[in-house]
Amino acid sequence: MAQAIKTGSVGTVVVAGAANLAIAVAKLIAGLISGSAAMLSEAAHSVADTTTEVLLYQALRRGARPADTRHPFGYGKESYVWAFFAAMFTFVAGAGFAVTHGVTTILVHEHSGDYLISYIVLGVSFVIESISLTRAVRQVRRESRRWQTTPQRFLRLTADTAVKAVFLEDSAALIGLVLAGLGVGLSQATGDEVWDGVASILIGLLLLTVAGILAANNLSLLVGRAVPARLGRAIEQELAGLPDVERIDTLLTMQLGPDDILVAAKIDFRDEATGAAIEASADEAERRLTARFPEIRYVFLDPTRSLPGALGQARNTQARPSPDAGGEPDPS
């Protein structure tokens, strides 16, 4: 089934990318004129964010390609590959430069003393980043209402890595601007450039944290993450309510892409059910699930014989989170 690029996510990525590009140029000029390590680190931060948005746009575009004979389940997982590359670029380029330059500044203590341009660029950057973050927040709230959950839970569990990345990066950008402002201000007030270097290092650590969160999330999705617990329970309930179903023996799910979910289940039907009745139940299962959850693209049901001593409940189902899953609810 062909997928269209998600308009809301694309808009959020494009706005964030344009904002970061303009801010990166301004910060770089300010950093070169003032010699501030924190400003140059913030310039590297914005360059990393701009590159991240380009990679996220590539993720949305490539992941939306329709299925073909070589990739029958589509290209949804490719979006996680590009999003992982984006996280790694932030980790290496942004965080690496910020920490290294901060350490160098602490050791060398070099600064031109021209602080005014740094304050101006930081203030303008804060306004622009706030506008970009506002758009991301609106999309998060809109999506969380659609899933009937809180924005915090949606961000933690969503498979839409683009909007998650933009939200985290814009939030980190605002925190980074505050850190840079404090570093520049303390350096000017005390005459000691160590504060500028410390601010640069803190900005680098902030980028490391964001990159680590996004990288881990994308790796989990690339390996093949199940849908979260609450959605798994809802799928199980829909299947259990089908005509002629005695028991769900196994329920397995996988997130194939930001808007692609696969559902596979072994189901024990009543012994009296005819082949035609089982086929009708399978068709009804797909109709119910896709109507309630449009993200479900594939539904595979395997009629199976009940195990001895079965009591009518699923034996092996992802609706019950494993200890490694941490029992997290899902955004549905």
C-alpha atoms as a PDB file:
ATOM      1  CA  MET A   1       0.000   0.000   0.000  1.00  0.00           C
ATOM      2  CA  ALA A   2       1.488   3.336  -1.027  1.00  0.00           C
ATOM      3  CA  GLN A   3       2.172   5.853   1.676  1.00  0.00           C
ATOM      4  CA  ALA A   4       1.973   9.617   1.339  1.00  0.00           C
ATOM      5  CA  ILE A   5       4.543  11.756   3.084  1.00  0.00           C
ATOM      6  CA  LYS A   6       3.065  12.983   6.346  1.00  0.00           C
ATOM      7  CA  THR A   7       2.277  16.655   5.747  1.00  0.00           C
ATOM      8  CA  GLY A   8       2.413  17.727   9.374  1.00  0.00           C
ATOM      9  CA  SER A   9       5.789  16.121   9.987  1.00  0.00           C
ATOM     10  CA  VAL A  10       7.234  17.534   6.760  1.00  0.00           C
ATOM     11  CA  GLY A  11       6.076  21.037   7.663  1.00  0.00           C
ATOM     12  CA  THR A  12       7.566  20.755  11.144  1.00  0.00           C
ATOM     13  CA  VAL A  13      10.906  19.526   9.724  1.00  0.00           C
ATOM     14  CA  VAL A  14      11.061  22.234   7.028  1.00  0.00           C
ATOM     15  CA  VAL A  15      10.302  25.063   9.480  1.00  0.00           C
ATOM     16  CA  ALA A  16      12.901  23.748  11.922  1.00  0.00           C
ATOM     17  CA  GLY A  17      15.489  23.341   9.161  1.00  0.00           C
ATOM     18  CA  ALA A  18      15.021  26.862   7.819  1.00  0.00           C
ATOM     19  CA  ALA A  19      15.197  28.337  11.308  1.00  0.00           C
ATOM     20  CA  ASN A  20      18.345  26.401  12.197  1.00  0.00           C
ATOM     21  CA  LEU A  21      20.101  27.384   8.972  1.00  0.00           C
ATOM     22  CA  ALA A  22      19.516  31.102   9.555  1.00  0.00           C
ATOM     23  CA  ILE A  23      20.534  30.807  13.197  1.00  0.00           C
ATOM     24  CA  ALA A  24      23.678  28.820  12.370  1.00  0.00           C
ATOM     25  CA  VAL A  25      24.959  31.578  10.072  1.00  0.00           C
ATOM     26  CA  ALA A  26      24.252  34.286  12.645  1.00  0.00           C
ATOM     27  CA  LYS A  27      25.897  32.340  15.483  1.00  0.00           C
ATOM     28  CA  LEU A  28      28.955  31.555  13.396  1.00  0.00           C
ATOM     29  CA  ILE A  29      29.471  35.226  12.538  1.00  0.00           C
ATOM     30  CA  ALA A  30      28.973  36.230  16.167  1.00  0.00           C
ATOM     31  CA  GLY A  31      31.301  33.504  17.378  1.00  0.00           C
ATOM     32  CA  LEU A  32      34.068  34.480  14.964  1.00  0.00           C
ATOM     33  CA  ILE A  33      33.792  38.181  15.833  1.00  0.00           C
ATOM     34  CA  SER A  34      33.558  37.708  19.603  1.00  0.00           C
ATOM     35  CA  GLY A  35      35.775  34.651  19.936  1.00  0.00           C
ATOM     36  CA  SER A  36      33.249  33.111  22.349  1.00  0.00           C
ATOM     37  CA  ALA A  37      33.546  29.325  22.682  1.00  0.00           C
ATOM     38  CA  ALA A  38      29.908  29.074  23.720  1.00  0.00           C
ATOM     39  CA  MET A  39      28.797  30.979  20.619  1.00  0.00           C
ATOM     40  CA  LEU A  40      30.895  28.805  18.320  1.00  0.00           C
ATOM     41  CA  SER A  41      29.532  25.713  20.061  1.00  0.00           C
ATOM     42  CA  GLU A  42      26.016  27.026  19.508  1.00  0.00           C
ATOM     43  CA  ALA A  43      26.904  27.578  15.838  1.00  0.00           C
ATOM     44  CA  ALA A  44      28.012  23.933  15.642  1.00  0.00           C
ATOM     45  CA  HIS A  45      24.781  23.002  17.446  1.00  0.00           C
ATOM     46  CA  SER A  46      22.678  24.780  14.818  1.00  0.00           C
ATOM     47  CA  VAL A  47      24.716  23.325  11.937  1.00  0.00           C
ATOM     48  CA  ALA A  48      24.142  19.859  13.391  1.00  0.00           C
ATOM     49  CA  ASP A  49      20.417  20.581  13.758  1.00  0.00           C
ATOM     50  CA  THR A  50      20.189  21.881  10.184  1.00  0.00           C
ATOM     51  CA  THR A  51      21.855  18.739   8.844  1.00  0.00           C
ATOM     52  CA  THR A  52      19.565  16.674  11.043  1.00  0.00           C
ATOM     53  CA  GLU A  53      16.487  18.297   9.477  1.00  0.00           C
ATOM     54  CA  VAL A  54      17.816  17.500   5.980  1.00  0.00           C
ATOM     55  CA  LEU A  55      18.300  13.864   6.995  1.00  0.00           C
ATOM     56  CA  LEU A  56      14.866  13.755   8.630  1.00  0.00           C
ATOM     57  CA  TYR A  57      13.272  15.080   5.445  1.00  0.00           C
ATOM     58  CA  GLN A  58      15.106  12.338   3.572  1.00  0.00           C
ATOM     59  CA  ALA A  59      13.754   9.866   6.131  1.00  0.00           C
ATOM     60  CA  LEU A  60      10.177  11.009   5.510  1.00  0.00           C
ATOM     61  CA  ARG A  61      10.592  10.942   1.729  1.00  0.00           C
ATOM     62  CA  ARG A  62      12.343   7.580   1.474  1.00  0.00           C
ATOM     63  CA  GLY A  63      10.185   5.894   4.097  1.00  0.00           C
ATOM     64  CA  ALA A  64       6.977   6.863   2.247  1.00  0.00           C
ATOM     65  CA  ARG A  65       7.817   4.909  -0.899  1.00  0.00           C
ATOM     66  CA  PRO A  66       5.252   2.226  -1.793  1.00  0.00           C
ATOM     67  CA  ALA A  67       5.857  -1.489  -1.351  1.00  0.00           C
ATOM     68  CA  ASP A  68       7.281  -3.460  -4.267  1.00  0.00           C
ATOM     69  CA  THR A  69       8.263  -7.062  -5.011  1.00  0.00           C
ATOM     70  CA  ARG A  70      11.639  -6.742  -3.271  1.00  0.00           C
ATOM     71  CA  HIS A  71      10.196  -4.911  -0.255  1.00  0.00           C
ATOM     72  CA  PRO A  72       6.653  -6.272   0.170  1.00  0.00           C
ATOM     73  CA  PHE A  73       6.138  -4.491   3.484  1.00  0.00           C
ATOM     74  CA  GLY A  74       7.254  -1.133   2.118  1.00  0.00           C
ATOM     75  CA  TYR A  75      10.153   1.122   3.062  1.00  0.00           C
ATOM     76  CA  GLY A  76       8.921   2.425   6.397  1.00  0.00           C
ATOM     77  CA  LYS A  77      11.968   1.157   8.308  1.00  0.00           C
ATOM     78  CA  GLU A  78      14.272   3.134   6.023  1.00  0.00           C
ATOM     79  CA  SER A  79      13.000   6.277   7.720  1.00  0.00           C
ATOM     80  CA  TYR A  80      14.586   5.001  10.947  1.00  0.00           C
ATOM     81  CA  VAL A  81      17.918   4.471   9.171  1.00  0.00           C
ATOM     82  CA  TRP A  82      18.092   8.114   8.102  1.00  0.00           C
ATOM     83  CA  ALA A  83      16.858   9.292  11.498  1.00  0.00           C
ATOM     84  CA  PHE A  84      19.632   7.223  13.106  1.00  0.00           C
ATOM     85  CA  PHE A  85      22.182   8.892  10.814  1.00  0.00           C
ATOM     86  CA  ALA A  86      20.799  12.252  11.946  1.00  0.00           C
ATOM     87  CA  ALA A  87      21.267  11.341  15.610  1.00  0.00           C
ATOM     88  CA  MET A  88      24.834  10.180  14.950  1.00  0.00           C
ATOM     89  CA  PHE A  89      25.692  13.417  13.152  1.00  0.00           C
ATOM     90  CA  THR A  90      24.469  15.405  16.149  1.00  0.00           C
ATOM     91  CA  PHE A  91      26.528  13.141  18.410  1.00  0.00           C
ATOM     92  CA  VAL A  92      29.777  13.436  16.441  1.00  0.00           C
ATOM     93  CA  ALA A  93      29.685  16.887  14.840  1.00  0.00           C
ATOM     94  CA  GLY A  94      27.689  18.973  17.292  1.00  0.00           C
ATOM     95  CA  ALA A  95      28.581  17.458  20.652  1.00  0.00           C
ATOM     96  CA  GLY A  96      32.160  16.595  19.714  1.00  0.00           C
ATOM     97  CA  PHE A  97      32.971  20.133  18.576  1.00  0.00           C
ATOM     98  CA  ALA A  98      31.278  21.771  21.558  1.00  0.00           C
ATOM     99  CA  VAL A  99      33.084  19.688  24.188  1.00  0.00           C
ATOM    100  CA  THR A 100      36.473  19.916  22.440  1.00  0.00           C
ATOM    101  CA  HIS A 101      36.238  23.667  21.890  1.00  0.00           C
ATOM    102  CA  GLY A 102      35.061  24.214  25.450  1.00  0.00           C
ATOM    103  CA  VAL A 103      38.055  22.359  26.872  1.00  0.00           C
ATOM    104  CA  THR A 104      40.384  24.340  24.594  1.00  0.00           C
ATOM    105  CA  THR A 105      38.874  27.636  25.765  1.00  0.00           C
ATOM    106  CA  ILE A 106      39.339  26.701  29.438  1.00  0.00           C
ATOM    107  CA  LEU A 107      42.980  25.876  28.787  1.00  0.00           C
ATOM    108  CA  VAL A 108      43.793  28.846  26.519  1.00  0.00           C
ATOM    109  CA  HIS A 109      41.464  31.556  27.956  1.00  0.00           C
ATOM    110  CA  GLU A 110      41.200  33.454  24.677  1.00  0.00           C
ATOM    111  CA  HIS A 111      38.406  35.950  24.002  1.00  0.00           C
ATOM    112  CA  SER A 112      38.236  39.222  22.077  1.00  0.00           C
ATOM    113  CA  GLY A 113      35.971  40.890  24.620  1.00  0.00           C
ATOM    114  CA  ASP A 114      33.277  41.885  22.086  1.00  0.00           C
ATOM    115  CA  TYR A 115      30.138  40.644  23.855  1.00  0.00           C
ATOM    116  CA  LEU A 116      27.336  42.786  22.385  1.00  0.00           C
ATOM    117  CA  ILE A 117      26.962  40.858  19.131  1.00  0.00           C
ATOM    118  CA  SER A 118      26.749  37.602  21.084  1.00  0.00           C
ATOM    119  CA  TYR A 119      23.849  38.905  23.159  1.00  0.00           C
ATOM    120  CA  ILE A 120      22.015  40.162  20.069  1.00  0.00           C
ATOM    121  CA  VAL A 121      22.376  36.868  18.183  1.00  0.00           C
ATOM    122  CA  LEU A 122      21.394  34.836  21.237  1.00  0.00           C
ATOM    123  CA  GLY A 123      18.238  36.909  21.699  1.00  0.00           C
ATOM    124  CA  VAL A 124      17.182  36.691  18.054  1.00  0.00           C
ATOM    125  CA  SER A 125      18.003  32.971  17.977  1.00  0.00           C
ATOM    126  CA  PHE A 126      15.863  32.376  21.051  1.00  0.00           C
ATOM    127  CA  VAL A 127      12.868  33.977  19.343  1.00  0.00           C
ATOM    128  CA  ILE A 128      13.322  31.984  16.119  1.00  0.00           C
ATOM    129  CA  GLU A 129      13.852  28.675  17.962  1.00  0.00           C
ATOM    130  CA  SER A 130      10.752  29.379  20.043  1.00  0.00           C
ATOM    131  CA  ILE A 131       8.685  29.746  16.864  1.00  0.00           C
ATOM    132  CA  SER A 132      10.003  26.437  15.528  1.00  0.00           C
ATOM    133  CA  LEU A 133       9.371  24.688  18.858  1.00  0.00           C
ATOM    134  CA  THR A 134       5.838  26.100  18.991  1.00  0.00           C
ATOM    135  CA  ARG A 135       4.995  24.378  15.702  1.00  0.00           C
ATOM    136  CA  ALA A 136       6.448  21.098  16.981  1.00  0.00           C
ATOM    137  CA  VAL A 137       4.473  21.393  20.224  1.00  0.00           C
ATOM    138  CA  ARG A 138       1.252  21.991  18.283  1.00  0.00           C
ATOM    139  CA  GLN A 139       1.812  18.849  16.244  1.00  0.00           C
ATOM    140  CA  VAL A 140       2.595  16.826  19.372  1.00  0.00           C
ATOM    141  CA  ARG A 141      -0.594  18.034  21.059  1.00  0.00           C
ATOM    142  CA  ARG A 142      -2.649  17.356  17.932  1.00  0.00           C
ATOM    143  CA  GLU A 143      -1.290  13.824  17.628  1.00  0.00           C
ATOM    144  CA  SER A 144      -1.676  13.114  21.344  1.00  0.00           C
ATOM    145  CA  ARG A 145      -5.343  14.156  21.183  1.00  0.00           C
ATOM    146  CA  ARG A 146      -5.855  11.834  18.226  1.00  0.00           C
ATOM    147  CA  TRP A 147      -4.371   8.963  20.240  1.00  0.00           C
ATOM    148  CA  GLN A 148      -6.236  10.079  23.380  1.00  0.00           C
ATOM    149  CA  THR A 149      -3.125  10.293  25.517  1.00  0.00           C
ATOM    150  CA  THR A 150      -0.855  12.904  27.081  1.00  0.00           C
ATOM    151  CA  PRO A 151       1.782  14.755  25.027  1.00  0.00           C
ATOM    152  CA  GLN A 152       4.509  13.369  27.303  1.00  0.00           C
ATOM    153  CA  ARG A 153       3.420   9.763  26.732  1.00  0.00           C
ATOM    154  CA  PHE A 154       3.023  10.350  23.007  1.00  0.00           C
ATOM    155  CA  LEU A 155       6.577  11.706  22.736  1.00  0.00           C
ATOM    156  CA  ARG A 156       7.979   8.796  24.692  1.00  0.00           C
ATOM    157  CA  LEU A 157       6.319   6.092  22.616  1.00  0.00           C
ATOM    158  CA  THR A 158       5.580   7.520  19.176  1.00  0.00           C
ATOM    159  CA  ALA A 159       7.107   5.843  16.127  1.00  0.00           C
ATOM    160  CA  ASP A 160       7.139   9.192  14.286  1.00  0.00           C
ATOM    161  CA  THR A 161      10.831   9.898  14.826  1.00  0.00           C
ATOM    162  CA  ALA A 162      10.726  13.136  12.804  1.00  0.00           C
ATOM    163  CA  VAL A 163       8.415  15.064  15.116  1.00  0.00           C
ATOM    164  CA  LYS A 164      10.144  13.563  18.168  1.00  0.00           C
ATOM    165  CA  ALA A 165      13.563  14.636  16.889  1.00  0.00           C
ATOM    166  CA  VAL A 166      12.435  18.182  16.063  1.00  0.00           C
ATOM    167  CA  PHE A 167      10.786  18.620  19.463  1.00  0.00           C
ATOM    168  CA  LEU A 168      13.835  17.384  21.383  1.00  0.00           C
ATOM    169  CA  GLU A 169      16.318  19.322  19.260  1.00  0.00           C
ATOM    170  CA  ASP A 170      14.386  22.591  19.471  1.00  0.00           C
ATOM    171  CA  SER A 171      14.000  22.142  23.233  1.00  0.00           C
ATOM    172  CA  ALA A 172      17.733  21.449  23.535  1.00  0.00           C
ATOM    173  CA  ALA A 173      18.439  24.490  21.340  1.00  0.00           C
ATOM    174  CA  LEU A 174      16.578  26.796  23.712  1.00  0.00           C
ATOM    175  CA  ILE A 175      18.385  25.323  26.721  1.00  0.00           C
ATOM    176  CA  GLY A 176      21.676  25.666  24.842  1.00  0.00           C
ATOM    177  CA  LEU A 177      20.995  29.336  24.155  1.00  0.00           C
ATOM    178  CA  VAL A 178      20.385  29.938  27.849  1.00  0.00           C
ATOM    179  CA  LEU A 179      23.632  28.132  28.714  1.00  0.00           C
ATOM    180  CA  ALA A 180      25.532  30.154  26.113  1.00  0.00           C
ATOM    181  CA  GLY A 181      24.059  33.394  27.454  1.00  0.00           C
ATOM    182  CA  LEU A 182      25.046  32.475  31.004  1.00  0.00           C
ATOM    183  CA  GLY A 183      28.541  31.548  29.880  1.00  0.00           C
ATOM    184  CA  VAL A 184      29.067  34.779  27.973  1.00  0.00           C
ATOM    185  CA  GLY A 185      27.521  36.843  30.775  1.00  0.00           C
ATOM    186  CA  LEU A 186      29.620  35.266  33.546  1.00  0.00           C
ATOM    187  CA  SER A 187      32.775  35.614  31.454  1.00  0.00           C
ATOM    188  CA  GLN A 188      32.076  39.306  30.960  1.00  0.00           C
ATOM    189  CA  ALA A 189      31.186  39.848  34.617  1.00  0.00           C
ATOM    190  CA  THR A 190      34.185  38.003  36.055  1.00  0.00           C
ATOM    191  CA  GLY A 191      36.718  38.515  33.290  1.00  0.00           C
ATOM    192  CA  ASP A 192      37.397  34.783  33.393  1.00  0.00           C
ATOM    193  CA  GLU A 193      36.825  32.883  30.140  1.00  0.00           C
ATOM    194  CA  VAL A 194      36.520  29.594  32.037  1.00  0.00           C
ATOM    195  CA  TRP A 195      32.745  30.201  32.221  1.00  0.00           C
ATOM    196  CA  ASP A 196      32.544  30.466  28.441  1.00  0.00           C
ATOM    197  CA  GLY A 197      34.364  27.146  28.146  1.00  0.00           C
ATOM    198  CA  VAL A 198      32.168  25.491  30.774  1.00  0.00           C
ATOM    199  CA  ALA A 199      29.045  26.652  28.912  1.00  0.00           C
ATOM    200  CA  SER A 200      30.438  25.163  25.710  1.00  0.00           C
ATOM    201  CA  ILE A 201      31.058  21.822  27.421  1.00  0.00           C
ATOM    202  CA  LEU A 202      27.543  21.810  28.918  1.00  0.00           C
ATOM    203  CA  ILE A 203      26.085  22.472  25.451  1.00  0.00           C
ATOM    204  CA  GLY A 204      28.066  19.506  24.157  1.00  0.00           C
ATOM    205  CA  LEU A 205      26.779  17.254  26.943  1.00  0.00           C
ATOM    206  CA  LEU A 206      23.238  18.421  26.194  1.00  0.00           C
ATOM    207  CA  LEU A 207      23.698  17.421  22.550  1.00  0.00           C
ATOM    208  CA  LEU A 208      25.126  14.058  23.617  1.00  0.00           C
ATOM    209  CA  THR A 209      22.015  13.405  25.692  1.00  0.00           C
ATOM    210  CA  VAL A 210      19.595  14.255  22.877  1.00  0.00           C
ATOM    211  CA  ALA A 211      21.598  12.273  20.325  1.00  0.00           C
ATOM    212  CA  GLY A 212      21.721   9.265  22.652  1.00  0.00           C
ATOM    213  CA  ILE A 213      17.946   9.304  23.210  1.00  0.00           C
ATOM    214  CA  LEU A 214      17.184   9.563  19.497  1.00  0.00           C
ATOM    215  CA  ALA A 215      19.768   6.946  18.503  1.00  0.00           C
ATOM    216  CA  ALA A 216      18.443   4.422  21.027  1.00  0.00           C
ATOM    217  CA  ASN A 217      14.855   5.049  19.903  1.00  0.00           C
ATOM    218  CA  ASN A 218      15.694   4.543  16.232  1.00  0.00           C
ATOM    219  CA  LEU A 219      17.739   1.414  16.925  1.00  0.00           C
ATOM    220  CA  SER A 220      14.799  -0.077  18.787  1.00  0.00           C
ATOM    221  CA  LEU A 221      12.501   0.622  15.834  1.00  0.00           C
ATOM    222  CA  LEU A 222      15.038  -0.735  13.334  1.00  0.00           C
ATOM    223  CA  VAL A 223      15.371  -4.009  15.227  1.00  0.00           C
ATOM    224  CA  GLY A 224      11.595  -4.415  15.115  1.00  0.00           C
ATOM    225  CA  ARG A 225       9.709  -2.930  18.052  1.00  0.00           C
ATOM    226  CA  ALA A 226       6.246  -4.114  18.998  1.00  0.00           C
ATOM    227  CA  VAL A 227       3.399  -1.654  19.419  1.00  0.00           C
ATOM    228  CA  PRO A 228       3.109  -0.376  23.007  1.00  0.00           C
ATOM    229  CA  ALA A 229       1.119  -2.224  25.634  1.00  0.00           C
ATOM    230  CA  ARG A 230      -2.181  -0.352  25.514  1.00  0.00           C
ATOM    231  CA  LEU A 231      -2.503  -0.632  21.748  1.00  0.00           C
ATOM    232  CA  GLY A 232      -1.582  -4.317  21.981  1.00  0.00           C
ATOM    233  CA  ARG A 233      -4.378  -4.875  24.495  1.00  0.00           C
ATOM    234  CA  ALA A 234      -6.865  -3.064  22.261  1.00  0.00           C
ATOM    235  CA  ILE A 235      -5.879  -5.256  19.303  1.00  0.00           C
ATOM    236  CA  GLU A 236      -6.263  -8.371  21.449  1.00  0.00           C
ATOM    237  CA  GLN A 237      -9.716  -7.274  22.591  1.00  0.00           C
ATOM    238  CA  GLU A 238     -10.846  -6.693  19.003  1.00  0.00           C
ATOM    239  CA  LEU A 239      -9.649 -10.138  17.953  1.00  0.00           C
ATOM    240  CA  ALA A 240     -11.179 -11.822  21.019  1.00  0.00           C
ATOM    241  CA  GLY A 241     -14.549 -10.286  20.117  1.00  0.00           C
ATOM    242  CA  LEU A 242     -14.686 -11.942  16.705  1.00  0.00           C
ATOM    243  CA  PRO A 243     -17.382 -14.530  15.984  1.00  0.00           C
ATOM    244  CA  ASP A 244     -16.307 -18.158  16.600  1.00  0.00           C
ATOM    245  CA  VAL A 245     -13.084 -17.183  18.404  1.00  0.00           C
ATOM    246  CA  GLU A 246     -12.367 -19.346  21.443  1.00  0.00           C
ATOM    247  CA  ARG A 247      -8.913 -18.114  22.342  1.00  0.00           C
ATOM    248  CA  ILE A 248      -5.982 -16.047  21.113  1.00  0.00           C
ATOM    249  CA  ASP A 249      -2.955 -18.284  21.423  1.00  0.00           C
ATOM    250  CA  THR A 250      -0.286 -15.854  20.178  1.00  0.00           C
ATOM    251  CA  LEU A 251      -0.399 -12.162  19.291  1.00  0.00           C
ATOM    252  CA  LEU A 252       2.637 -10.511  17.684  1.00  0.00           C
ATOM    253  CA  THR A 253       2.948  -6.954  16.401  1.00  0.00           C
ATOM    254  CA  MET A 254       5.685  -4.914  14.757  1.00  0.00           C
ATOM    255  CA  GLN A 255       6.132  -1.248  13.894  1.00  0.00           C
ATOM    256  CA  LEU A 256       7.112  -1.320  10.203  1.00  0.00           C
ATOM    257  CA  GLY A 257       7.265   2.466   9.886  1.00  0.00           C
ATOM    258  CA  PRO A 258       5.878   5.645  11.439  1.00  0.00           C
ATOM    259  CA  ASP A 259       2.418   4.790  10.078  1.00  0.00           C
ATOM    260  CA  ASP A 260       2.715   1.063   9.355  1.00  0.00           C
ATOM    261  CA  ILE A 261       1.862  -1.683  11.837  1.00  0.00           C
ATOM    262  CA  LEU A 262       1.886  -5.434  11.246  1.00  0.00           C
ATOM    263  CA  VAL A 263      -0.373  -7.729  13.291  1.00  0.00           C
ATOM    264  CA  ALA A 264       0.014 -11.533  13.323  1.00  0.00           C
ATOM    265  CA  ALA A 265      -1.950 -13.891  15.550  1.00  0.00           C
ATOM    266  CA  LYS A 266      -2.525 -17.582  16.140  1.00  0.00           C
ATOM    267  CA  ILE A 267      -6.214 -17.970  16.966  1.00  0.00           C
ATOM    268  CA  ASP A 268      -8.123 -20.988  18.246  1.00  0.00           C
ATOM    269  CA  PHE A 269     -11.593 -21.009  16.670  1.00  0.00           C
ATOM    270  CA  ARG A 270     -14.555 -23.030  17.930  1.00  0.00           C
ATOM    271  CA  ASP A 271     -14.387 -26.662  16.862  1.00  0.00           C
ATOM    272  CA  GLU A 272     -17.788 -26.284  15.234  1.00  0.00           C
ATOM    273  CA  ALA A 273     -16.696 -23.336  13.072  1.00  0.00           C
ATOM    274  CA  THR A 274     -16.711 -24.066   9.345  1.00  0.00           C
ATOM    275  CA  GLY A 275     -14.011 -22.994   6.931  1.00  0.00           C
ATOM    276  CA  ALA A 276     -16.331 -20.331   5.588  1.00  0.00           C
ATOM    277  CA  ALA A 277     -16.958 -19.002   9.102  1.00  0.00           C
ATOM    278  CA  ILE A 278     -13.243 -18.802   9.812  1.00  0.00           C
ATOM    279  CA  GLU A 279     -12.651 -16.931   6.555  1.00  0.00           C
ATOM    280  CA  ALA A 280     -15.445 -14.522   7.428  1.00  0.00           C
ATOM    281  CA  SER A 281     -13.918 -13.935  10.862  1.00  0.00           C
ATOM    282  CA  ALA A 282     -10.515 -13.216   9.326  1.00  0.00           C
ATOM    283  CA  ASP A 283     -12.053 -10.649   6.978  1.00  0.00           C
ATOM    284  CA  GLU A 284     -13.949  -9.093   9.886  1.00  0.00           C
ATOM    285  CA  ALA A 285     -10.742  -8.912  11.942  1.00  0.00           C
ATOM    286  CA  GLU A 286      -8.960  -6.914   9.267  1.00  0.00           C
ATOM    287  CA  ARG A 287     -11.962  -4.643   8.770  1.00  0.00           C
ATOM    288  CA  ARG A 288     -12.321  -3.910  12.489  1.00  0.00           C
ATOM    289  CA  LEU A 289      -8.641  -3.334  13.163  1.00  0.00           C
ATOM    290  CA  THR A 290      -7.966  -1.088  10.173  1.00  0.00           C
ATOM    291  CA  ALA A 291     -11.135   0.907  10.843  1.00  0.00           C
ATOM    292  CA  ARG A 292     -10.173   1.555  14.460  1.00  0.00           C
ATOM    293  CA  PHE A 293      -6.442   1.930  13.867  1.00  0.00           C
ATOM    294  CA  PRO A 294      -5.658   3.192  10.323  1.00  0.00           C
ATOM    295  CA  GLU A 295      -1.939   2.675  11.015  1.00  0.00           C
ATOM    296  CA  ILE A 296      -2.471  -1.115  10.879  1.00  0.00           C
ATOM    297  CA  ARG A 297      -1.558  -2.120   7.321  1.00  0.00           C
ATOM    298  CA  TYR A 298      -1.186  -5.886   7.544  1.00  0.00           C
ATOM    299  CA  VAL A 299      -3.235  -8.451   9.488  1.00  0.00           C
ATOM    300  CA  PHE A 300      -2.303 -12.135   9.375  1.00  0.00           C
ATOM    301  CA  LEU A 301      -4.369 -14.720  11.259  1.00  0.00           C
ATOM    302  CA  ASP A 302      -3.350 -18.358  11.663  1.00  0.00           C
ATOM    303  CA  PRO A 303      -6.100 -20.757  12.840  1.00  0.00           C
ATOM    304  CA  THR A 304      -4.545 -23.070  15.425  1.00  0.00           C
ATOM    305  CA  ARG A 305      -5.671 -25.909  17.664  1.00  0.00           C
ATOM    306  CA  SER A 306      -6.070 -25.094  21.350  1.00  0.00           C
ATOM    307  CA  LEU A 307      -3.409 -26.402  23.691  1.00  0.00           C
ATOM    308  CA  PRO A 308      -4.434 -28.850  26.444  1.00  0.00           C
ATOM    309  CA  GLY A 309      -5.628 -27.022  29.532  1.00  0.00           C
ATOM    310  CA  ALA A 310      -6.171 -23.718  27.731  1.00  0.00           C
ATOM    311  CA  LEU A 311      -8.468 -21.381  29.671  1.00  0.00           C
ATOM    312  CA  GLY A 312      -9.454 -18.977  26.945  1.00  0.00           C
ATOM    313  CA  GLN A 313      -6.717 -16.368  27.399  1.00  0.00           C
ATOM    314  CA  ALA A 314      -3.775 -15.554  25.201  1.00  0.00           C
ATOM    315  CA  ARG A 315      -0.702 -17.633  25.992  1.00  0.00           C
ATOM    316  CA  ASN A 316       1.890 -15.505  24.231  1.00  0.00           C
ATOM    317  CA  THR A 317       0.946 -11.920  23.524  1.00  0.00           C
ATOM    318  CA  GLN A 318       2.801  -8.627  23.274  1.00  0.00           C
ATOM    319  CA  ALA A 319      -0.154  -6.893  24.869  1.00  0.00           C
ATOM    320  CA  ARG A 320       1.533  -7.897  28.118  1.00  0.00           C
ATOM    321  CA  PRO A 321       4.874  -6.052  28.275  1.00  0.00           C
ATOM    322  CA  SER A 322       8.013  -8.007  29.046  1.00  0.00           C
ATOM    323  CA  PRO A 323      10.337  -6.881  31.855  1.00  0.00           C
ATOM    324  CA  ASP A 324      12.636  -5.331  29.252  1.00  0.00           C
ATOM    325  CA  ALA A 325       9.773  -3.202  27.886  1.00  0.00           C
ATOM    326  CA  GLY A 326       9.367  -1.481  31.232  1.00  0.00           C
ATOM    327  CA  GLY A 327       5.576  -1.834  31.125  1.00  0.00           C
ATOM    328  CA  GLU A 328       5.138   1.386  29.202  1.00  0.00           C
ATOM    329  CA  PRO A 329       1.662   2.277  27.963  1.00  0.00           C
ATOM    330  CA  ASP A 330       1.170   3.343  24.377  1.00  0.00           C
ATOM    331  CA  PRO A 331      -0.214   6.492  22.765  1.00  0.00           C
ATOM    332  CA  SER A 332      -3.476   4.964  21.641  1.00  0.00           C
END
